[in-house]
């Protein structure tokens, strides 16, 4: 299944607790329709001591956000934009910003 958002895309949250905040996508989970966004939806996890974390304790990390709550930021205007797909002459599919009418 093809998604309109990919890793390293700059996105803005359009609804929910973090509405209006922007960040960069770290990882996309297509099977769950979710994505990790850098610096948003921080949760605390209590961890036991192990080899990688000798001391244990409380760890803060990002939790995934629903893809439907994210909107791509237009690279040219810096505002949220809808995306479309166009096919180039060679048959290659590319995403484009509907706001600026330019490929992403």
Protein backbone atom coordinates (compact mmCIF):
# COMPACT_ATOMS: atom_id res chain seq x y z
CA UNK A 1 0.00 0.00 0.00
CA UNK A 2 1.32 3.43 -0.91
CA UNK A 3 1.35 6.22 1.65
CA UNK A 4 1.67 9.95 1.19
CA UNK A 5 4.15 10.32 4.07
CA UNK A 6 7.65 8.85 4.17
CA UNK A 7 10.74 8.84 6.37
CA UNK A 8 12.50 12.25 6.67
CA UNK A 9 9.36 14.16 5.60
CA UNK A 10 8.63 17.31 7.55
CA UNK A 11 5.07 17.12 8.91
CA UNK A 12 2.60 19.11 11.01
CA UNK A 13 0.08 17.59 13.42
CA UNK A 14 -3.41 18.69 12.35
CA UNK A 15 -5.49 17.33 15.22
CA UNK A 16 -5.16 16.04 18.76
CA UNK A 17 -3.01 16.97 21.74
CA UNK A 18 -0.06 18.15 19.63
CA UNK A 19 -2.09 20.16 17.08
CA UNK A 20 0.03 22.75 15.26
CA UNK A 21 3.41 21.28 16.20
CA UNK A 22 5.87 20.24 13.51
CA UNK A 23 8.55 17.59 13.32
CA UNK A 24 10.43 15.18 11.10
CA UNK A 25 9.30 11.57 10.55
CA UNK A 26 11.78 9.10 12.04
CA UNK A 27 10.03 5.87 11.04
CA UNK A 28 6.76 4.82 9.39
CA UNK A 29 4.78 1.72 10.40
CA UNK A 30 2.56 1.07 7.34
CA UNK A 31 0.91 -2.04 8.79
CA UNK A 32 -0.39 0.04 11.73
CA UNK A 33 -0.95 3.35 9.83
CA UNK A 34 1.35 5.13 12.29
CA UNK A 35 4.57 7.13 12.26
CA UNK A 36 7.20 8.23 14.78
CA UNK A 37 7.71 12.01 14.71
CA UNK A 38 10.86 13.51 16.20
CA UNK A 39 10.18 15.35 19.47
CA UNK A 40 6.41 14.71 19.58
CA UNK A 41 4.23 12.36 21.66
CA UNK A 42 6.96 11.73 24.26
CA UNK A 43 6.12 8.93 26.72
CA UNK A 44 7.96 7.63 29.79
CA UNK A 45 8.84 3.95 30.08
CA UNK A 46 10.11 2.28 33.22
CA UNK A 47 12.94 -0.12 32.34
CA UNK A 48 14.77 -2.78 34.30
CA UNK A 49 18.57 -2.82 34.26
CA UNK A 50 19.99 -4.77 31.31
CA UNK A 51 23.18 -4.94 29.23
CA UNK A 52 22.47 -1.80 27.20
CA UNK A 53 21.11 0.20 30.13
CA UNK A 54 23.08 -0.89 33.20
CA UNK A 55 21.26 1.40 35.62
CA UNK A 56 17.65 1.07 34.41
CA UNK A 57 15.16 3.76 35.38
CA UNK A 58 12.73 5.97 33.50
CA UNK A 59 13.36 6.39 29.76
CA UNK A 60 11.64 9.00 27.59
CA UNK A 61 10.96 8.14 23.96
CA UNK A 62 8.60 9.00 21.10
CA UNK A 63 5.39 7.04 20.61
CA UNK A 64 3.80 6.62 17.16
CA UNK A 65 1.12 9.02 15.90
CA UNK A 66 -1.74 8.12 13.56
CA UNK A 67 -0.90 8.97 9.92
CA UNK A 68 -4.31 10.59 9.44
CA UNK A 69 -3.36 13.20 12.07
CA UNK A 70 -0.25 14.31 10.12
CA UNK A 71 0.03 16.60 7.11
CA UNK A 72 3.08 17.10 4.90
CA UNK A 73 4.80 20.49 5.03
CA UNK A 74 5.39 22.09 1.63
CA UNK A 75 9.17 22.47 1.12
CA UNK A 76 8.73 25.72 -0.82
CA UNK A 77 6.12 27.61 1.26
CA UNK A 78 6.65 25.96 4.65
CA UNK A 79 2.90 25.46 5.11
CA UNK A 80 0.89 22.22 5.32
CA UNK A 81 -0.14 20.88 1.94
CA UNK A 82 -2.09 18.08 0.31
CA UNK A 83 -0.12 15.74 -1.92
CA UNK A 84 -0.77 14.29 -5.32
CA UNK A 85 0.96 11.76 -7.53
CA UNK A 86 2.04 12.48 -11.09
CA UNK A 87 3.71 10.22 -13.60
CA UNK A 88 6.80 11.50 -15.42
CA UNK A 89 7.65 10.69 -19.05
CA UNK A 90 9.84 7.74 -18.06
CA UNK A 91 6.94 6.17 -16.16
CA UNK A 92 8.30 7.15 -12.74
CA UNK A 93 5.73 8.15 -10.11
CA UNK A 94 6.53 11.24 -8.02
CA UNK A 95 4.72 13.08 -5.25
CA UNK A 96 3.91 16.76 -5.71
CA UNK A 97 2.68 19.53 -3.47
CA UNK A 98 -0.81 20.70 -4.42
CA UNK A 99 -0.11 24.06 -2.76
CA UNK A 100 3.05 24.96 -4.73
CA UNK A 101 2.50 22.58 -7.71
CA UNK A 102 6.10 21.29 -7.40
CA UNK A 103 7.53 17.81 -6.96
CA UNK A 104 8.64 16.76 -3.50
